[in-house]
N, C-alpha and C. Protein backbone atom coordinates (compact mmCIF):
# COMPACT_ATOMS: atom_id res chain seq x y z
N UNK A 1 -91.53 -49.37 -116.44
CA UNK A 1 -92.31 -48.86 -115.31
C UNK A 1 -93.65 -49.55 -115.25
N UNK A 2 -94.12 -49.79 -114.05
CA UNK A 2 -95.41 -50.44 -113.85
C UNK A 2 -96.53 -49.41 -113.92
N UNK A 3 -97.63 -49.79 -114.51
CA UNK A 3 -98.79 -48.90 -114.56
C UNK A 3 -99.83 -49.34 -113.55
N UNK A 4 -99.40 -49.55 -112.32
CA UNK A 4 -100.31 -49.94 -111.25
C UNK A 4 -101.02 -48.70 -110.73
N UNK A 5 -102.29 -48.84 -110.35
CA UNK A 5 -103.00 -47.67 -109.82
C UNK A 5 -102.38 -47.20 -108.51
N UNK A 6 -102.46 -45.92 -108.29
CA UNK A 6 -101.96 -45.34 -107.04
C UNK A 6 -102.88 -45.77 -105.90
N UNK A 7 -102.36 -45.72 -104.69
CA UNK A 7 -103.14 -46.06 -103.49
C UNK A 7 -104.44 -45.26 -103.45
N UNK A 8 -104.36 -43.95 -103.70
CA UNK A 8 -105.54 -43.10 -103.60
C UNK A 8 -106.61 -43.51 -104.62
N UNK A 9 -106.16 -44.00 -105.79
CA UNK A 9 -107.11 -44.40 -106.82
C UNK A 9 -107.82 -45.70 -106.45
N UNK A 10 -107.13 -46.58 -105.74
CA UNK A 10 -107.72 -47.87 -105.39
C UNK A 10 -108.57 -47.79 -104.13
N UNK A 11 -108.42 -46.70 -103.38
CA UNK A 11 -109.16 -46.55 -102.14
C UNK A 11 -108.52 -47.29 -100.97
N UNK A 12 -107.37 -47.90 -101.20
CA UNK A 12 -106.68 -48.63 -100.13
C UNK A 12 -106.13 -47.65 -99.10
N UNK A 13 -106.07 -48.11 -97.87
CA UNK A 13 -105.56 -47.25 -96.79
C UNK A 13 -104.04 -47.26 -96.83
N UNK A 14 -103.45 -46.10 -96.62
CA UNK A 14 -101.99 -45.99 -96.59
C UNK A 14 -101.51 -46.61 -95.28
N UNK A 15 -100.61 -47.59 -95.39
CA UNK A 15 -100.14 -48.30 -94.20
C UNK A 15 -98.90 -47.64 -93.61
N UNK A 16 -98.01 -47.17 -94.47
CA UNK A 16 -96.75 -46.61 -94.02
C UNK A 16 -96.78 -45.09 -94.13
N UNK A 17 -95.71 -44.44 -93.71
CA UNK A 17 -95.61 -42.98 -93.82
C UNK A 17 -95.85 -42.56 -95.27
N UNK A 18 -96.61 -41.50 -95.48
CA UNK A 18 -96.95 -41.03 -96.83
C UNK A 18 -95.81 -40.18 -97.40
N UNK A 19 -94.76 -40.86 -97.85
CA UNK A 19 -93.58 -40.18 -98.38
C UNK A 19 -93.92 -39.34 -99.60
N UNK A 20 -94.74 -39.91 -100.49
CA UNK A 20 -95.13 -39.20 -101.71
C UNK A 20 -95.87 -37.90 -101.38
N UNK A 21 -96.83 -37.97 -100.46
CA UNK A 21 -97.59 -36.80 -100.05
C UNK A 21 -96.71 -35.78 -99.33
N UNK A 22 -95.82 -36.26 -98.47
CA UNK A 22 -94.93 -35.36 -97.73
C UNK A 22 -94.05 -34.56 -98.69
N UNK A 23 -93.42 -35.24 -99.67
CA UNK A 23 -92.53 -34.52 -100.58
C UNK A 23 -93.29 -33.68 -101.60
N UNK A 24 -94.54 -34.02 -101.90
CA UNK A 24 -95.36 -33.14 -102.74
C UNK A 24 -95.60 -31.82 -102.01
N UNK A 25 -95.89 -31.90 -100.69
CA UNK A 25 -96.09 -30.68 -99.89
C UNK A 25 -94.80 -29.88 -99.77
N UNK A 26 -93.68 -30.57 -99.54
CA UNK A 26 -92.40 -29.87 -99.43
C UNK A 26 -92.05 -29.18 -100.75
N UNK A 27 -92.28 -29.85 -101.88
CA UNK A 27 -91.99 -29.26 -103.19
C UNK A 27 -92.86 -28.02 -103.41
N UNK A 28 -94.13 -28.10 -103.04
CA UNK A 28 -95.03 -26.95 -103.19
C UNK A 28 -94.58 -25.79 -102.31
N UNK A 29 -94.19 -26.10 -101.07
CA UNK A 29 -93.73 -25.07 -100.13
C UNK A 29 -92.45 -24.41 -100.65
N UNK A 30 -91.51 -25.23 -101.13
CA UNK A 30 -90.23 -24.69 -101.63
C UNK A 30 -90.44 -23.88 -102.91
N UNK A 31 -91.38 -24.28 -103.75
CA UNK A 31 -91.70 -23.52 -104.96
C UNK A 31 -92.22 -22.14 -104.56
N UNK A 32 -93.08 -22.10 -103.54
CA UNK A 32 -93.64 -20.83 -103.07
C UNK A 32 -92.56 -19.95 -102.42
N UNK A 33 -91.73 -20.54 -101.56
CA UNK A 33 -90.69 -19.78 -100.85
C UNK A 33 -89.54 -19.36 -101.76
N UNK A 34 -89.27 -20.17 -102.78
CA UNK A 34 -88.21 -19.92 -103.75
C UNK A 34 -86.86 -19.59 -103.09
N UNK A 35 -86.37 -20.47 -102.20
CA UNK A 35 -85.11 -20.18 -101.51
C UNK A 35 -83.91 -20.29 -102.44
N UNK A 36 -82.85 -19.55 -102.12
CA UNK A 36 -81.58 -19.71 -102.83
C UNK A 36 -80.88 -20.91 -102.19
N UNK A 37 -80.40 -21.81 -103.02
CA UNK A 37 -79.76 -23.04 -102.55
C UNK A 37 -78.31 -23.05 -103.01
N UNK A 38 -77.41 -23.38 -102.08
CA UNK A 38 -76.03 -23.62 -102.47
C UNK A 38 -75.97 -25.10 -102.85
N UNK A 39 -75.90 -25.36 -104.16
CA UNK A 39 -75.97 -26.73 -104.67
C UNK A 39 -74.59 -27.17 -105.14
N UNK A 40 -74.17 -28.31 -104.62
CA UNK A 40 -72.89 -28.90 -105.01
C UNK A 40 -73.15 -30.24 -105.67
N UNK A 41 -72.59 -30.43 -106.84
CA UNK A 41 -72.68 -31.70 -107.56
C UNK A 41 -71.28 -32.27 -107.65
N UNK A 42 -71.12 -33.49 -107.17
CA UNK A 42 -69.82 -34.17 -107.22
C UNK A 42 -69.99 -35.44 -108.04
N UNK A 43 -69.14 -35.60 -109.06
CA UNK A 43 -69.19 -36.80 -109.90
C UNK A 43 -67.80 -37.41 -109.94
N UNK A 44 -67.69 -38.61 -109.39
CA UNK A 44 -66.41 -39.32 -109.32
C UNK A 44 -65.29 -38.44 -108.79
N UNK A 45 -65.58 -37.67 -107.77
CA UNK A 45 -64.57 -36.86 -107.08
C UNK A 45 -64.45 -35.42 -107.55
N UNK A 46 -64.96 -35.07 -108.72
CA UNK A 46 -64.89 -33.69 -109.23
C UNK A 46 -66.16 -32.95 -108.82
N UNK A 47 -65.99 -31.79 -108.14
CA UNK A 47 -67.13 -31.04 -107.61
C UNK A 47 -67.32 -29.70 -108.28
N UNK A 48 -68.58 -29.27 -108.31
CA UNK A 48 -68.91 -27.92 -108.77
C UNK A 48 -70.04 -27.41 -107.89
N UNK A 49 -69.91 -26.17 -107.40
CA UNK A 49 -70.93 -25.57 -106.53
C UNK A 49 -71.40 -24.25 -107.11
N UNK A 50 -72.69 -23.96 -106.88
CA UNK A 50 -73.21 -22.64 -107.23
C UNK A 50 -74.47 -22.36 -106.43
N UNK A 51 -74.76 -21.07 -106.27
CA UNK A 51 -75.98 -20.63 -105.61
C UNK A 51 -77.06 -20.46 -106.67
N UNK A 52 -78.16 -21.18 -106.50
CA UNK A 52 -79.23 -21.11 -107.50
C UNK A 52 -80.60 -21.12 -106.81
N UNK A 53 -81.58 -20.62 -107.53
CA UNK A 53 -82.98 -20.75 -107.13
C UNK A 53 -83.55 -21.86 -108.00
N UNK A 54 -83.93 -22.95 -107.40
CA UNK A 54 -84.43 -24.11 -108.15
C UNK A 54 -85.89 -23.87 -108.53
N UNK A 55 -86.17 -24.03 -109.81
CA UNK A 55 -87.52 -23.76 -110.32
C UNK A 55 -88.42 -25.00 -110.25
N UNK A 56 -87.85 -26.19 -110.36
CA UNK A 56 -88.64 -27.42 -110.44
C UNK A 56 -88.36 -28.32 -109.23
N UNK A 57 -88.94 -27.96 -108.09
CA UNK A 57 -88.69 -28.72 -106.86
C UNK A 57 -89.24 -30.13 -106.93
N UNK A 58 -90.33 -30.33 -107.63
CA UNK A 58 -90.90 -31.68 -107.75
C UNK A 58 -89.88 -32.62 -108.39
N UNK A 59 -89.20 -32.16 -109.44
CA UNK A 59 -88.17 -32.97 -110.09
C UNK A 59 -86.93 -33.09 -109.21
N UNK A 60 -86.58 -32.01 -108.52
CA UNK A 60 -85.38 -32.01 -107.67
C UNK A 60 -85.50 -33.07 -106.56
N UNK A 61 -86.72 -33.25 -106.05
CA UNK A 61 -86.95 -34.19 -104.94
C UNK A 61 -87.54 -35.52 -105.42
N UNK A 62 -87.48 -35.77 -106.72
CA UNK A 62 -88.11 -36.94 -107.32
C UNK A 62 -87.62 -38.27 -106.75
N UNK A 63 -86.31 -38.41 -106.50
CA UNK A 63 -85.81 -39.68 -105.97
C UNK A 63 -86.39 -39.99 -104.59
N UNK A 64 -86.67 -38.95 -103.81
CA UNK A 64 -87.31 -39.14 -102.51
C UNK A 64 -88.73 -39.67 -102.72
N UNK A 65 -89.47 -39.01 -103.61
CA UNK A 65 -90.86 -39.39 -103.90
C UNK A 65 -90.94 -40.81 -104.44
N UNK A 66 -89.99 -41.18 -105.32
CA UNK A 66 -89.99 -42.51 -105.92
C UNK A 66 -89.71 -43.62 -104.91
N UNK A 67 -89.25 -43.25 -103.72
CA UNK A 67 -88.95 -44.24 -102.68
C UNK A 67 -90.17 -44.60 -101.84
N UNK A 68 -91.34 -44.09 -102.22
CA UNK A 68 -92.58 -44.36 -101.50
C UNK A 68 -92.83 -45.87 -101.46
N UNK A 69 -93.16 -46.39 -100.29
CA UNK A 69 -93.36 -47.83 -100.13
C UNK A 69 -94.84 -48.20 -99.96
N UNK A 70 -95.73 -47.25 -100.15
CA UNK A 70 -97.17 -47.52 -100.02
C UNK A 70 -97.74 -48.09 -101.31
N UNK A 71 -97.38 -49.32 -101.60
CA UNK A 71 -97.91 -50.04 -102.75
C UNK A 71 -98.72 -51.21 -102.19
N UNK A 72 -99.89 -51.49 -102.74
CA UNK A 72 -100.71 -52.59 -102.20
C UNK A 72 -99.94 -53.91 -102.07
N UNK A 73 -99.09 -54.23 -103.01
CA UNK A 73 -98.34 -55.49 -102.97
C UNK A 73 -97.31 -55.53 -101.84
N UNK A 74 -96.96 -54.37 -101.29
CA UNK A 74 -95.92 -54.30 -100.26
C UNK A 74 -96.49 -54.08 -98.86
N UNK A 75 -97.77 -54.30 -98.67
CA UNK A 75 -98.42 -53.99 -97.39
C UNK A 75 -97.77 -54.69 -96.19
N UNK A 76 -97.17 -55.85 -96.41
CA UNK A 76 -96.53 -56.58 -95.31
C UNK A 76 -95.04 -56.80 -95.57
N UNK A 77 -94.44 -55.93 -96.37
CA UNK A 77 -93.06 -56.12 -96.79
C UNK A 77 -92.05 -55.31 -96.00
N UNK A 78 -92.51 -54.54 -95.02
CA UNK A 78 -91.60 -53.70 -94.23
C UNK A 78 -91.86 -53.89 -92.74
N UNK A 79 -90.78 -54.04 -92.00
CA UNK A 79 -90.86 -54.08 -90.54
C UNK A 79 -90.88 -52.64 -90.05
N UNK A 80 -91.78 -52.32 -89.14
CA UNK A 80 -91.92 -50.96 -88.62
C UNK A 80 -91.40 -50.92 -87.19
N UNK A 81 -90.43 -50.03 -86.93
CA UNK A 81 -89.89 -49.84 -85.59
C UNK A 81 -90.18 -48.41 -85.17
N UNK A 82 -90.92 -48.26 -84.09
CA UNK A 82 -91.32 -46.92 -83.62
C UNK A 82 -90.63 -46.63 -82.29
N UNK A 83 -89.98 -45.48 -82.22
CA UNK A 83 -89.40 -44.99 -80.97
C UNK A 83 -90.05 -43.63 -80.68
N UNK A 84 -89.79 -43.03 -79.52
CA UNK A 84 -90.41 -41.73 -79.24
C UNK A 84 -90.09 -40.64 -80.27
N UNK A 85 -88.93 -40.73 -80.93
CA UNK A 85 -88.56 -39.66 -81.88
C UNK A 85 -88.32 -40.14 -83.30
N UNK A 86 -88.67 -41.39 -83.63
CA UNK A 86 -88.47 -41.84 -85.01
C UNK A 86 -89.36 -43.02 -85.37
N UNK A 87 -89.51 -43.20 -86.67
CA UNK A 87 -90.17 -44.37 -87.23
C UNK A 87 -89.22 -44.90 -88.29
N UNK A 88 -88.91 -46.20 -88.22
CA UNK A 88 -88.01 -46.81 -89.18
C UNK A 88 -88.76 -47.93 -89.90
N UNK A 89 -88.71 -47.90 -91.23
CA UNK A 89 -89.30 -48.94 -92.06
C UNK A 89 -88.15 -49.70 -92.69
N UNK A 90 -88.06 -51.00 -92.43
CA UNK A 90 -86.96 -51.83 -92.95
C UNK A 90 -87.55 -52.93 -93.82
N UNK A 91 -87.03 -53.06 -95.04
CA UNK A 91 -87.52 -54.08 -95.97
C UNK A 91 -87.28 -55.47 -95.41
N UNK A 92 -88.28 -56.34 -95.55
CA UNK A 92 -88.15 -57.72 -95.10
C UNK A 92 -87.91 -58.67 -96.27
N UNK A 93 -87.98 -58.15 -97.48
CA UNK A 93 -87.76 -58.97 -98.68
C UNK A 93 -86.54 -58.43 -99.42
N UNK A 94 -85.62 -59.34 -99.83
CA UNK A 94 -84.35 -58.89 -100.41
C UNK A 94 -84.46 -58.18 -101.76
N UNK A 95 -85.55 -58.37 -102.50
CA UNK A 95 -85.65 -57.77 -103.84
C UNK A 95 -86.28 -56.38 -103.84
N UNK A 96 -86.66 -55.86 -102.68
CA UNK A 96 -87.24 -54.51 -102.63
C UNK A 96 -86.14 -53.46 -102.73
N UNK A 97 -86.32 -52.51 -103.63
CA UNK A 97 -85.31 -51.47 -103.85
C UNK A 97 -85.15 -50.56 -102.63
N UNK A 98 -86.25 -50.10 -102.07
CA UNK A 98 -86.17 -49.24 -100.89
C UNK A 98 -85.94 -50.13 -99.69
N UNK A 99 -84.71 -50.08 -99.15
CA UNK A 99 -84.30 -50.97 -98.06
C UNK A 99 -84.68 -50.44 -96.69
N UNK A 100 -84.59 -49.10 -96.53
CA UNK A 100 -84.89 -48.53 -95.22
C UNK A 100 -85.31 -47.07 -95.38
N UNK A 101 -86.30 -46.68 -94.61
CA UNK A 101 -86.72 -45.28 -94.51
C UNK A 101 -86.75 -44.95 -93.02
N UNK A 102 -86.09 -43.87 -92.65
CA UNK A 102 -86.11 -43.41 -91.27
C UNK A 102 -86.71 -42.01 -91.25
N UNK A 103 -87.77 -41.84 -90.48
CA UNK A 103 -88.42 -40.54 -90.29
C UNK A 103 -88.10 -40.10 -88.87
N UNK A 104 -87.37 -38.99 -88.72
CA UNK A 104 -87.02 -38.48 -87.39
C UNK A 104 -87.95 -37.31 -87.08
N UNK A 105 -88.55 -37.36 -85.89
CA UNK A 105 -89.51 -36.32 -85.50
C UNK A 105 -89.00 -35.53 -84.30
N UNK A 106 -89.40 -34.27 -84.28
CA UNK A 106 -89.17 -33.41 -83.13
C UNK A 106 -90.57 -32.95 -82.73
N UNK A 107 -91.16 -33.63 -81.76
CA UNK A 107 -92.57 -33.38 -81.45
C UNK A 107 -93.42 -33.89 -82.59
N UNK A 108 -94.26 -33.03 -83.14
CA UNK A 108 -95.11 -33.41 -84.27
C UNK A 108 -94.47 -33.12 -85.63
N UNK A 109 -93.38 -32.34 -85.63
CA UNK A 109 -92.77 -31.98 -86.91
C UNK A 109 -91.64 -32.94 -87.28
N UNK A 110 -91.42 -33.08 -88.57
CA UNK A 110 -90.37 -33.96 -89.08
C UNK A 110 -89.07 -33.17 -89.15
N UNK A 111 -88.02 -33.70 -88.53
CA UNK A 111 -86.73 -33.02 -88.55
C UNK A 111 -85.75 -33.66 -89.54
N UNK A 112 -86.02 -34.91 -89.97
CA UNK A 112 -85.13 -35.55 -90.95
C UNK A 112 -85.82 -36.74 -91.59
N UNK A 113 -85.47 -36.98 -92.86
CA UNK A 113 -85.91 -38.17 -93.58
C UNK A 113 -84.65 -38.78 -94.19
N UNK A 114 -84.39 -40.04 -93.86
CA UNK A 114 -83.24 -40.76 -94.41
C UNK A 114 -83.78 -41.97 -95.17
N UNK A 115 -83.27 -42.16 -96.39
CA UNK A 115 -83.74 -43.27 -97.22
C UNK A 115 -82.52 -44.01 -97.78
N UNK A 116 -82.58 -45.33 -97.73
CA UNK A 116 -81.55 -46.17 -98.34
C UNK A 116 -82.21 -47.03 -99.40
N UNK A 117 -81.78 -46.86 -100.65
CA UNK A 117 -82.25 -47.67 -101.76
C UNK A 117 -81.08 -48.49 -102.28
N UNK A 118 -81.36 -49.72 -102.69
CA UNK A 118 -80.28 -50.57 -103.16
C UNK A 118 -80.82 -51.58 -104.17
N UNK A 119 -80.09 -51.74 -105.27
CA UNK A 119 -80.44 -52.72 -106.29
C UNK A 119 -79.18 -53.49 -106.65
N UNK A 120 -79.27 -54.81 -106.63
CA UNK A 120 -78.11 -55.64 -106.98
C UNK A 120 -78.56 -56.75 -107.91
N UNK A 121 -77.79 -56.96 -108.97
CA UNK A 121 -77.99 -58.15 -109.80
C UNK A 121 -76.63 -58.53 -110.39
N UNK A 122 -76.59 -59.48 -111.29
CA UNK A 122 -75.30 -59.95 -111.78
C UNK A 122 -74.59 -58.95 -112.69
N UNK A 123 -75.28 -57.94 -113.21
CA UNK A 123 -74.65 -56.94 -114.08
C UNK A 123 -74.22 -55.68 -113.34
N UNK A 124 -74.98 -55.27 -112.35
CA UNK A 124 -74.65 -54.02 -111.67
C UNK A 124 -75.20 -54.00 -110.25
N UNK A 125 -74.66 -53.05 -109.48
CA UNK A 125 -75.23 -52.77 -108.15
C UNK A 125 -75.30 -51.25 -108.00
N UNK A 126 -76.37 -50.80 -107.40
CA UNK A 126 -76.58 -49.37 -107.17
C UNK A 126 -77.06 -49.17 -105.74
N UNK A 127 -76.48 -48.19 -105.07
CA UNK A 127 -76.91 -47.82 -103.73
C UNK A 127 -77.15 -46.32 -103.70
N UNK A 128 -78.33 -45.91 -103.23
CA UNK A 128 -78.67 -44.49 -103.08
C UNK A 128 -78.89 -44.21 -101.60
N UNK A 129 -78.24 -43.16 -101.11
CA UNK A 129 -78.50 -42.68 -99.75
C UNK A 129 -79.08 -41.28 -99.88
N UNK A 130 -80.32 -41.12 -99.45
CA UNK A 130 -81.02 -39.85 -99.57
C UNK A 130 -81.24 -39.27 -98.18
N UNK A 131 -80.96 -37.99 -98.03
CA UNK A 131 -81.14 -37.30 -96.75
C UNK A 131 -81.89 -36.00 -97.00
N UNK A 132 -82.92 -35.76 -96.22
CA UNK A 132 -83.67 -34.51 -96.32
C UNK A 132 -83.85 -33.95 -94.92
N UNK A 133 -83.32 -32.75 -94.71
CA UNK A 133 -83.47 -32.04 -93.44
C UNK A 133 -84.30 -30.79 -93.74
N UNK A 134 -85.60 -30.80 -93.44
CA UNK A 134 -86.49 -29.70 -93.83
C UNK A 134 -85.96 -28.33 -93.42
N UNK A 135 -85.91 -27.43 -94.41
CA UNK A 135 -85.45 -26.07 -94.16
C UNK A 135 -83.95 -25.92 -94.05
N UNK A 136 -83.21 -27.02 -94.09
CA UNK A 136 -81.75 -26.96 -93.94
C UNK A 136 -81.01 -27.46 -95.18
N UNK A 137 -81.23 -28.73 -95.53
CA UNK A 137 -80.47 -29.29 -96.65
C UNK A 137 -81.10 -30.58 -97.16
N UNK A 138 -80.60 -31.02 -98.31
CA UNK A 138 -80.95 -32.33 -98.85
C UNK A 138 -79.72 -32.87 -99.57
N UNK A 139 -79.60 -34.18 -99.61
CA UNK A 139 -78.49 -34.77 -100.36
C UNK A 139 -78.92 -36.10 -100.96
N UNK A 140 -78.31 -36.38 -102.09
CA UNK A 140 -78.52 -37.63 -102.82
C UNK A 140 -77.13 -38.16 -103.13
N UNK A 141 -76.83 -39.32 -102.59
CA UNK A 141 -75.52 -39.93 -102.84
C UNK A 141 -75.77 -41.25 -103.54
N UNK A 142 -75.20 -41.41 -104.73
CA UNK A 142 -75.42 -42.61 -105.53
C UNK A 142 -74.08 -43.26 -105.85
N UNK A 143 -74.02 -44.56 -105.57
CA UNK A 143 -72.83 -45.35 -105.91
C UNK A 143 -73.29 -46.47 -106.84
N UNK A 144 -72.63 -46.55 -108.01
CA UNK A 144 -72.97 -47.59 -108.97
C UNK A 144 -71.72 -48.38 -109.31
N UNK A 145 -71.89 -49.68 -109.42
CA UNK A 145 -70.81 -50.51 -109.94
C UNK A 145 -71.41 -51.35 -111.06
N UNK A 146 -70.90 -51.14 -112.27
CA UNK A 146 -71.39 -51.86 -113.43
C UNK A 146 -70.26 -52.74 -113.94
N UNK A 147 -70.54 -54.04 -114.11
CA UNK A 147 -69.51 -54.94 -114.64
C UNK A 147 -69.07 -54.43 -116.00
N UNK A 148 -67.83 -54.55 -116.29
CA UNK A 148 -67.16 -54.11 -117.53
C UNK A 148 -66.90 -52.60 -117.50
N UNK A 149 -67.90 -51.78 -117.18
CA UNK A 149 -67.74 -50.32 -117.20
C UNK A 149 -67.02 -49.82 -115.95
N UNK A 150 -67.34 -50.38 -114.79
CA UNK A 150 -66.69 -49.95 -113.55
C UNK A 150 -67.58 -49.12 -112.65
N UNK A 151 -66.94 -48.31 -111.80
CA UNK A 151 -67.66 -47.54 -110.79
C UNK A 151 -68.07 -46.16 -111.29
N UNK A 152 -69.19 -45.69 -110.78
CA UNK A 152 -69.69 -44.36 -111.08
C UNK A 152 -70.35 -43.85 -109.80
N UNK A 153 -69.81 -42.77 -109.26
CA UNK A 153 -70.32 -42.23 -108.00
C UNK A 153 -70.67 -40.76 -108.18
N UNK A 154 -71.80 -40.37 -107.61
CA UNK A 154 -72.10 -38.94 -107.60
C UNK A 154 -72.88 -38.56 -106.36
N UNK A 155 -72.78 -37.28 -106.04
CA UNK A 155 -73.51 -36.74 -104.90
C UNK A 155 -74.05 -35.38 -105.28
N UNK A 156 -75.29 -35.13 -104.90
CA UNK A 156 -75.90 -33.81 -105.04
C UNK A 156 -76.22 -33.36 -103.62
N UNK A 157 -75.76 -32.18 -103.27
CA UNK A 157 -76.02 -31.65 -101.93
C UNK A 157 -76.53 -30.23 -102.10
N UNK A 158 -77.66 -29.95 -101.48
CA UNK A 158 -78.24 -28.61 -101.52
C UNK A 158 -78.40 -28.08 -100.11
N UNK A 159 -77.83 -26.92 -99.85
CA UNK A 159 -77.99 -26.24 -98.56
C UNK A 159 -78.85 -25.00 -98.76
N UNK A 160 -79.90 -24.89 -97.96
CA UNK A 160 -80.75 -23.71 -98.04
C UNK A 160 -80.02 -22.55 -97.37
N UNK A 161 -79.74 -21.49 -98.12
CA UNK A 161 -78.94 -20.38 -97.62
C UNK A 161 -79.66 -19.48 -96.64
N UNK A 162 -80.96 -19.33 -96.81
CA UNK A 162 -81.67 -18.34 -96.01
C UNK A 162 -82.40 -18.92 -94.80
N UNK A 163 -82.11 -20.17 -94.46
CA UNK A 163 -82.66 -20.77 -93.25
C UNK A 163 -84.13 -21.13 -93.32
N UNK A 164 -84.75 -21.05 -94.50
CA UNK A 164 -86.18 -21.42 -94.60
C UNK A 164 -86.32 -22.91 -94.79
């Protein structure tokens, strides 16, 4: 892991959507609301579901937070496409892990966040598809192919039961 200073510590202006800040607020809100979640974990086709109250939302949403693209070195590494109801950030450099972030808005509020992460090298390839629908659900779908070992796929899906 790199020990580069955070944007806020360097005083640099955030250029792209503040994914890290958004999910910190969502984690705090979910911790306060403490909703019951119907969580399904699927690993290589075998699924298990249960209703749980998640205690550590910051960790639960960590892959979303880690997809933040506001790094000083990446200030010009994403193409920004703005439409009336969405903002799409698309990586312009092939070695960037976060390939695309789509923020869907309904007026001023965010109705969906979609993230595509991908890493490929000669030993393995990994693709993550992350979806967050505030107050409704979240999902993390990971596909890995490792030479010699083979494929490993899993999905985590959480549905908020009480509509919060």
